[in-house]
Amino acid sequence: MTGQVRTVDGRVAGRRGQATRQKLLDCLSEMLSSSPYRDVKVIDVARKAGTSPATFYQYFPDVEGAVLELAEDVAREGAGLTELVAGRSWVGKAGWQTSEQLVEGFLDFWRRNDAILRVIDLGAAEGDKRFNKIRMKVLNSVTGSLTESVKELQAKGKVDKDISAAAMAGSLVVMLAGVASHQKGFTAWGVKQAELKPNLAQLVHLGITGKKPTK
């Protein structure tokens, strides 16, 4: 969290107030992991944090406002995903390593933030522009870097120039997000995590380079 933390009425929160605010966010995040978003009430969050609803309302207008704060934190963390692609090589064995590391990092990020990402997806699906903007922030962190990767390969004559770099990158990122949000569901199909990652990495590598990976 950066900059001054303010209460709903605009006052700057002191150290104790900031700690209380963060505890409320931590408790809300924990509750979202075990309860449907619509079932979480202010009084329940406050009770779990050992404080009162009145204190909650000092820092957030409602549960949705607090959820948006958590979502923004996830978006800021998601910006770091670009490091999994930016400046990485897609040639030879290095290309396979890049695709593996991208898949590993993307799935791990989604697993760590599963609860709030589910709420972001729900809000975006319902047409809430605030949640959709945050969702795009997360996806754009990788989409932009992958687009540049395809363009660089095209400039070197390693990828067909007729391919739309942005369309390819966007399609792969949406695929990654879909698989990441469905990780637990793969077990119902008899797919183990150890099998999922290399197969997903192969699809990513094929999409970016158009070639079978060199392992």
C-alpha atoms as a PDB file:
ATOM      1  CA  MET A   1       0.000   0.000   0.000  1.00  0.00           C
ATOM      2  CA  THR A   2       1.513   3.337  -0.977  1.00  0.00           C
ATOM      3  CA  GLY A   3       0.738   6.958  -0.142  1.00  0.00           C
ATOM      4  CA  GLN A   4      -1.493   8.256   2.644  1.00  0.00           C
ATOM      5  CA  VAL A   5      -4.351   6.109   3.849  1.00  0.00           C
ATOM      6  CA  ARG A   6      -7.540   8.079   4.368  1.00  0.00           C
ATOM      7  CA  THR A   7     -10.825   7.358   6.060  1.00  0.00           C
ATOM      8  CA  VAL A   8     -14.126   7.580   4.173  1.00  0.00           C
ATOM      9  CA  ASP A   9     -14.592  11.191   5.335  1.00  0.00           C
ATOM     10  CA  GLY A  10     -11.141  12.197   4.049  1.00  0.00           C
ATOM     11  CA  ARG A  11      -9.094  12.203   7.262  1.00  0.00           C
ATOM     12  CA  VAL A  12      -5.561  10.787   7.141  1.00  0.00           C
ATOM     13  CA  ALA A  13      -5.414   7.538   9.112  1.00  0.00           C
ATOM     14  CA  GLY A  14      -2.692   7.196  11.729  1.00  0.00           C
ATOM     15  CA  ARG A  15      -0.526   4.121  12.236  1.00  0.00           C
ATOM     16  CA  ARG A  16      -3.117   2.444  14.444  1.00  0.00           C
ATOM     17  CA  GLY A  17      -5.888   3.243  11.988  1.00  0.00           C
ATOM     18  CA  GLN A  18      -3.878   1.849   9.101  1.00  0.00           C
ATOM     19  CA  ALA A  19      -3.284  -1.350  11.040  1.00  0.00           C
ATOM     20  CA  THR A  20      -7.016  -1.685  11.747  1.00  0.00           C
ATOM     21  CA  ARG A  21      -7.864  -1.032   8.107  1.00  0.00           C
ATOM     22  CA  GLN A  22      -5.370  -3.663   6.958  1.00  0.00           C
ATOM     23  CA  LYS A  23      -6.713  -6.178   9.482  1.00  0.00           C
ATOM     24  CA  LEU A  24     -10.217  -5.657   8.082  1.00  0.00           C
ATOM     25  CA  LEU A  25      -8.912  -6.282   4.561  1.00  0.00           C
ATOM     26  CA  ASP A  26      -7.023  -9.390   5.682  1.00  0.00           C
ATOM     27  CA  CYS A  27     -10.125 -10.789   7.392  1.00  0.00           C
ATOM     28  CA  LEU A  28     -12.272 -10.021   4.345  1.00  0.00           C
ATOM     29  CA  SER A  29      -9.758 -11.763   2.085  1.00  0.00           C
ATOM     30  CA  GLU A  30      -9.791 -14.818   4.363  1.00  0.00           C
ATOM     31  CA  MET A  31     -13.598 -14.893   4.389  1.00  0.00           C
ATOM     32  CA  LEU A  32     -13.788 -14.702   0.597  1.00  0.00           C
ATOM     33  CA  SER A  33     -11.735 -17.908   0.482  1.00  0.00           C
ATOM     34  CA  SER A  34     -14.468 -19.840   2.273  1.00  0.00           C
ATOM     35  CA  SER A  35     -17.710 -17.926   1.650  1.00  0.00           C
ATOM     36  CA  PRO A  36     -19.567 -16.738  -1.466  1.00  0.00           C
ATOM     37  CA  TYR A  37     -18.922 -13.030  -2.088  1.00  0.00           C
ATOM     38  CA  ARG A  38     -22.634 -12.119  -1.776  1.00  0.00           C
ATOM     39  CA  ASP A  39     -22.854 -13.789   1.647  1.00  0.00           C
ATOM     40  CA  VAL A  40     -20.106 -11.697   3.270  1.00  0.00           C
ATOM     41  CA  LYS A  41     -21.573  -8.975   5.495  1.00  0.00           C
ATOM     42  CA  VAL A  42     -19.953  -5.969   7.158  1.00  0.00           C
ATOM     43  CA  ILE A  43     -20.881  -7.189  10.640  1.00  0.00           C
ATOM     44  CA  ASP A  44     -19.184 -10.546   9.986  1.00  0.00           C
ATOM     45  CA  VAL A  45     -15.960  -8.931   8.742  1.00  0.00           C
ATOM     46  CA  ALA A  46     -15.893  -6.550  11.699  1.00  0.00           C
ATOM     47  CA  ARG A  47     -16.516  -9.345  14.195  1.00  0.00           C
ATOM     48  CA  LYS A  48     -13.737 -11.466  12.688  1.00  0.00           C
ATOM     49  CA  ALA A  49     -11.364  -8.485  12.910  1.00  0.00           C
ATOM     50  CA  GLY A  50     -12.341  -7.905  16.547  1.00  0.00           C
ATOM     51  CA  THR A  51     -13.880  -4.515  15.914  1.00  0.00           C
ATOM     52  CA  SER A  52     -17.271  -2.948  15.139  1.00  0.00           C
ATOM     53  CA  PRO A  53     -19.254  -2.247  11.945  1.00  0.00           C
ATOM     54  CA  ALA A  54     -18.879   1.471  12.738  1.00  0.00           C
ATOM     55  CA  THR A  55     -15.107   1.075  12.524  1.00  0.00           C
ATOM     56  CA  PHE A  56     -15.441  -0.767   9.214  1.00  0.00           C
ATOM     57  CA  TYR A  57     -17.467   2.116   7.791  1.00  0.00           C
ATOM     58  CA  GLN A  58     -14.731   4.564   8.797  1.00  0.00           C
ATOM     59  CA  TYR A  59     -12.504   2.999   6.147  1.00  0.00           C
ATOM     60  CA  PHE A  60     -14.841   1.521   3.533  1.00  0.00           C
ATOM     61  CA  PRO A  61     -18.287   2.536   2.223  1.00  0.00           C
ATOM     62  CA  ASP A  62     -19.409  -1.112   2.071  1.00  0.00           C
ATOM     63  CA  VAL A  63     -18.114  -4.653   1.487  1.00  0.00           C
ATOM     64  CA  GLU A  64     -17.836  -4.012  -2.252  1.00  0.00           C
ATOM     65  CA  GLY A  65     -15.623  -0.985  -1.617  1.00  0.00           C
ATOM     66  CA  ALA A  66     -13.283  -3.097   0.498  1.00  0.00           C
ATOM     67  CA  VAL A  67     -13.290  -5.852  -2.127  1.00  0.00           C
ATOM     68  CA  LEU A  68     -12.241  -3.301  -4.757  1.00  0.00           C
ATOM     69  CA  GLU A  69      -9.289  -2.355  -2.531  1.00  0.00           C
ATOM     70  CA  LEU A  70      -8.227  -6.011  -2.415  1.00  0.00           C
ATOM     71  CA  ALA A  71      -8.705  -6.268  -6.171  1.00  0.00           C
ATOM     72  CA  GLU A  72      -6.454  -3.261  -6.777  1.00  0.00           C
ATOM     73  CA  ASP A  73      -3.760  -4.885  -4.613  1.00  0.00           C
ATOM     74  CA  VAL A  74      -3.995  -8.038  -6.737  1.00  0.00           C
ATOM     75  CA  ALA A  75      -3.749  -5.958  -9.917  1.00  0.00           C
ATOM     76  CA  ARG A  76      -0.582  -4.298  -8.622  1.00  0.00           C
ATOM     77  CA  GLU A  77       0.904  -7.716  -7.848  1.00  0.00           C
ATOM     78  CA  GLY A  78      -0.205  -8.958 -11.266  1.00  0.00           C
ATOM     79  CA  ALA A  79       1.784  -6.200 -12.962  1.00  0.00           C
ATOM     80  CA  GLY A  80       4.889  -8.164 -11.990  1.00  0.00           C
ATOM     81  CA  LEU A  81       3.842 -11.020 -14.288  1.00  0.00           C
ATOM     82  CA  THR A  82       5.287  -9.075 -17.214  1.00  0.00           C
ATOM     83  CA  GLU A  83       8.751 -10.028 -15.910  1.00  0.00           C
ATOM     84  CA  LEU A  84       7.994 -13.630 -16.873  1.00  0.00           C
ATOM     85  CA  VAL A  85       8.036 -12.593 -20.543  1.00  0.00           C
ATOM     86  CA  ALA A  86       9.720  -9.226 -21.071  1.00  0.00           C
ATOM     87  CA  GLY A  87      13.210  -9.599 -22.522  1.00  0.00           C
ATOM     88  CA  ARG A  88      13.049 -13.420 -22.507  1.00  0.00           C
ATOM     89  CA  SER A  89      14.166 -15.531 -25.448  1.00  0.00           C
ATOM     90  CA  TRP A  90      11.749 -17.770 -27.360  1.00  0.00           C
ATOM     91  CA  VAL A  91      14.478 -19.474 -29.405  1.00  0.00           C
ATOM     92  CA  GLY A  92      15.595 -23.080 -28.843  1.00  0.00           C
ATOM     93  CA  LYS A  93      15.745 -24.496 -25.329  1.00  0.00           C
ATOM     94  CA  ALA A  94      15.505 -20.990 -23.891  1.00  0.00           C
ATOM     95  CA  GLY A  95      12.113 -20.657 -25.544  1.00  0.00           C
ATOM     96  CA  TRP A  96      10.856 -23.776 -23.818  1.00  0.00           C
ATOM     97  CA  GLN A  97      12.123 -22.486 -20.469  1.00  0.00           C
ATOM     98  CA  THR A  98      10.336 -19.179 -21.052  1.00  0.00           C
ATOM     99  CA  SER A  99       7.027 -20.906 -21.741  1.00  0.00           C
ATOM    100  CA  GLU A 100       7.468 -23.161 -18.691  1.00  0.00           C
ATOM    101  CA  GLN A 101       8.261 -20.249 -16.396  1.00  0.00           C
ATOM    102  CA  LEU A 102       5.345 -18.210 -17.732  1.00  0.00           C
ATOM    103  CA  VAL A 103       2.891 -21.037 -17.087  1.00  0.00           C
ATOM    104  CA  GLU A 104       4.367 -21.770 -13.650  1.00  0.00           C
ATOM    105  CA  GLY A 105       4.277 -18.117 -12.596  1.00  0.00           C
ATOM    106  CA  PHE A 106       0.803 -17.476 -13.999  1.00  0.00           C
ATOM    107  CA  LEU A 107      -0.772 -20.524 -12.327  1.00  0.00           C
ATOM    108  CA  ASP A 108       0.959 -19.775  -9.020  1.00  0.00           C
ATOM    109  CA  PHE A 109      -0.247 -16.156  -9.079  1.00  0.00           C
ATOM    110  CA  TRP A 110      -3.808 -17.305  -9.741  1.00  0.00           C
ATOM    111  CA  ARG A 111      -3.655 -19.940  -7.011  1.00  0.00           C
ATOM    112  CA  ARG A 112      -2.391 -17.422  -4.418  1.00  0.00           C
ATOM    113  CA  ASN A 113      -5.120 -14.927  -5.276  1.00  0.00           C
ATOM    114  CA  ASP A 114      -7.881 -17.344  -6.247  1.00  0.00           C
ATOM    115  CA  ALA A 115     -10.595 -15.932  -3.960  1.00  0.00           C
ATOM    116  CA  ILE A 116     -10.339 -12.299  -5.024  1.00  0.00           C
ATOM    117  CA  LEU A 117      -9.758 -13.184  -8.689  1.00  0.00           C
ATOM    118  CA  ARG A 118     -13.030 -15.130  -8.647  1.00  0.00           C
ATOM    119  CA  VAL A 119     -14.803 -12.020  -7.358  1.00  0.00           C
ATOM    120  CA  ILE A 120     -13.103  -9.877 -10.030  1.00  0.00           C
ATOM    121  CA  ASP A 121     -14.264 -12.305 -12.722  1.00  0.00           C
ATOM    122  CA  LEU A 122     -17.793 -12.291 -11.288  1.00  0.00           C
ATOM    123  CA  GLY A 123     -17.971  -8.499 -11.246  1.00  0.00           C
ATOM    124  CA  ALA A 124     -16.558  -8.244 -14.766  1.00  0.00           C
ATOM    125  CA  ALA A 125     -19.008 -10.875 -16.048  1.00  0.00           C
ATOM    126  CA  GLU A 126     -21.885  -8.874 -14.575  1.00  0.00           C
ATOM    127  CA  GLY A 127     -20.753  -5.806 -16.488  1.00  0.00           C
ATOM    128  CA  ASP A 128     -19.227  -3.847 -13.598  1.00  0.00           C
ATOM    129  CA  LYS A 129     -16.714  -1.574 -15.328  1.00  0.00           C
ATOM    130  CA  ARG A 130     -14.604  -1.194 -12.180  1.00  0.00           C
ATOM    131  CA  PHE A 131     -13.974  -4.932 -11.915  1.00  0.00           C
ATOM    132  CA  ASN A 132     -13.526  -5.260 -15.676  1.00  0.00           C
ATOM    133  CA  LYS A 133     -10.849  -2.536 -15.606  1.00  0.00           C
ATOM    134  CA  ILE A 134      -8.977  -4.367 -12.843  1.00  0.00           C
ATOM    135  CA  ARG A 135      -9.261  -7.688 -14.691  1.00  0.00           C
ATOM    136  CA  MET A 136      -7.794  -6.101 -17.814  1.00  0.00           C
ATOM    137  CA  LYS A 137      -4.913  -4.670 -15.761  1.00  0.00           C
ATOM    138  CA  VAL A 138      -3.986  -8.185 -14.663  1.00  0.00           C
ATOM    139  CA  LEU A 139      -4.253  -9.688 -18.149  1.00  0.00           C
ATOM    140  CA  ASN A 140      -2.557  -6.745 -19.890  1.00  0.00           C
ATOM    141  CA  SER A 141       0.612  -7.267 -17.846  1.00  0.00           C
ATOM    142  CA  VAL A 142       1.297 -10.432 -19.843  1.00  0.00           C
ATOM    143  CA  THR A 143      -0.555  -9.657 -23.080  1.00  0.00           C
ATOM    144  CA  GLY A 144       1.595  -6.637 -23.878  1.00  0.00           C
ATOM    145  CA  SER A 145       4.864  -8.491 -23.343  1.00  0.00           C
ATOM    146  CA  LEU A 146       3.725 -11.516 -25.362  1.00  0.00           C
ATOM    147  CA  THR A 147       2.611  -9.229 -28.203  1.00  0.00           C
ATOM    148  CA  GLU A 148       6.092  -7.729 -28.316  1.00  0.00           C
ATOM    149  CA  SER A 149       7.634 -11.214 -28.284  1.00  0.00           C
ATOM    150  CA  VAL A 150       5.649 -12.246 -31.352  1.00  0.00           C
ATOM    151  CA  LYS A 151       6.514  -8.990 -33.154  1.00  0.00           C
ATOM    152  CA  GLU A 152      10.222  -9.510 -32.450  1.00  0.00           C
ATOM    153  CA  LEU A 153      10.069 -13.042 -33.847  1.00  0.00           C
ATOM    154  CA  GLN A 154       8.225 -11.733 -36.910  1.00  0.00           C
ATOM    155  CA  ALA A 155      10.891  -9.077 -37.448  1.00  0.00           C
ATOM    156  CA  LYS A 156      13.528 -11.825 -37.441  1.00  0.00           C
ATOM    157  CA  GLY A 157      11.545 -13.911 -39.923  1.00  0.00           C
ATOM    158  CA  LYS A 158      10.882 -16.671 -37.404  1.00  0.00           C
ATOM    159  CA  VAL A 159       7.088 -16.219 -37.306  1.00  0.00           C
ATOM    160  CA  ASP A 160       4.650 -15.685 -40.192  1.00  0.00           C
ATOM    161  CA  LYS A 161       3.987 -11.963 -40.665  1.00  0.00           C
ATOM    162  CA  ASP A 162       0.310 -12.669 -41.419  1.00  0.00           C
ATOM    163  CA  ILE A 163      -0.247 -13.609 -37.769  1.00  0.00           C
ATOM    164  CA  SER A 164      -1.749 -10.862 -35.609  1.00  0.00           C
ATOM    165  CA  ALA A 165       0.646 -10.543 -32.668  1.00  0.00           C
ATOM    166  CA  ALA A 166      -1.989  -8.940 -30.426  1.00  0.00           C
ATOM    167  CA  ALA A 167      -4.648 -11.530 -31.303  1.00  0.00           C
ATOM    168  CA  MET A 168      -2.256 -14.419 -30.653  1.00  0.00           C
ATOM    169  CA  ALA A 169      -1.011 -12.954 -27.371  1.00  0.00           C
ATOM    170  CA  GLY A 170      -4.510 -12.097 -26.174  1.00  0.00           C
ATOM    171  CA  SER A 171      -5.840 -15.549 -27.031  1.00  0.00           C
ATOM    172  CA  LEU A 172      -3.021 -17.254 -25.123  1.00  0.00           C
ATOM    173  CA  VAL A 173      -3.488 -15.064 -22.050  1.00  0.00           C
ATOM    174  CA  VAL A 174      -7.243 -15.699 -21.972  1.00  0.00           C
ATOM    175  CA  MET A 175      -6.463 -19.411 -22.277  1.00  0.00           C
ATOM    176  CA  LEU A 176      -4.008 -19.168 -19.364  1.00  0.00           C
ATOM    177  CA  ALA A 177      -6.555 -17.309 -17.244  1.00  0.00           C
ATOM    178  CA  GLY A 178      -9.238 -19.873 -18.048  1.00  0.00           C
ATOM    179  CA  VAL A 179      -7.022 -22.811 -17.158  1.00  0.00           C
ATOM    180  CA  ALA A 180      -5.710 -21.042 -14.050  1.00  0.00           C
ATOM    181  CA  SER A 181      -9.219 -20.432 -12.726  1.00  0.00           C
ATOM    182  CA  HIS A 182     -10.153 -24.064 -13.414  1.00  0.00           C
ATOM    183  CA  GLN A 183      -7.087 -25.728 -11.867  1.00  0.00           C
ATOM    184  CA  LYS A 184      -9.041 -27.722  -9.273  1.00  0.00           C
ATOM    185  CA  GLY A 185     -11.496 -28.882 -11.931  1.00  0.00           C
ATOM    186  CA  PHE A 186      -8.809 -30.695 -13.910  1.00  0.00           C
ATOM    187  CA  THR A 187      -8.572 -33.354 -11.216  1.00  0.00           C
ATOM    188  CA  ALA A 188     -12.144 -34.411 -12.102  1.00  0.00           C
ATOM    189  CA  TRP A 189     -10.792 -35.272 -15.560  1.00  0.00           C
ATOM    190  CA  GLY A 190      -7.960 -37.279 -14.062  1.00  0.00           C
ATOM    191  CA  VAL A 191      -5.375 -34.595 -14.860  1.00  0.00           C
ATOM    192  CA  LYS A 192      -2.601 -34.054 -12.316  1.00  0.00           C
ATOM    193  CA  GLN A 193      -0.937 -30.665 -11.764  1.00  0.00           C
ATOM    194  CA  ALA A 194       2.349 -32.219 -12.835  1.00  0.00           C
ATOM    195  CA  GLU A 195       0.741 -33.078 -16.196  1.00  0.00           C
ATOM    196  CA  LEU A 196      -1.110 -29.803 -16.648  1.00  0.00           C
ATOM    197  CA  LYS A 197       1.852 -27.437 -16.595  1.00  0.00           C
ATOM    198  CA  PRO A 198       4.038 -28.992 -19.348  1.00  0.00           C
ATOM    199  CA  ASN A 199       1.080 -29.487 -21.661  1.00  0.00           C
ATOM    200  CA  LEU A 200      -0.061 -25.904 -21.169  1.00  0.00           C
ATOM    201  CA  ALA A 201       3.512 -24.690 -21.690  1.00  0.00           C
ATOM    202  CA  GLN A 202       3.625 -26.588 -24.981  1.00  0.00           C
ATOM    203  CA  LEU A 203       0.477 -24.816 -26.191  1.00  0.00           C
ATOM    204  CA  VAL A 204       1.942 -21.428 -25.227  1.00  0.00           C
ATOM    205  CA  HIS A 205       5.246 -22.185 -26.974  1.00  0.00           C
ATOM    206  CA  LEU A 206       3.474 -23.387 -30.115  1.00  0.00           C
ATOM    207  CA  GLY A 207       1.262 -20.285 -30.151  1.00  0.00           C
ATOM    208  CA  ILE A 208       4.160 -17.845 -29.852  1.00  0.00           C
ATOM    209  CA  THR A 209       6.747 -19.551 -32.048  1.00  0.00           C
ATOM    210  CA  GLY A 210       4.638 -21.789 -34.298  1.00  0.00           C
ATOM    211  CA  LYS A 211       7.117 -24.582 -33.580  1.00  0.00           C
ATOM    212  CA  LYS A 212       7.387 -27.695 -31.453  1.00  0.00           C
ATOM    213  CA  PRO A 213       9.554 -26.849 -28.429  1.00  0.00           C
ATOM    214  CA  THR A 214      13.176 -27.926 -28.098  1.00  0.00           C
ATOM    215  CA  LYS A 215      13.450 -29.393 -24.601  1.00  0.00           C
END
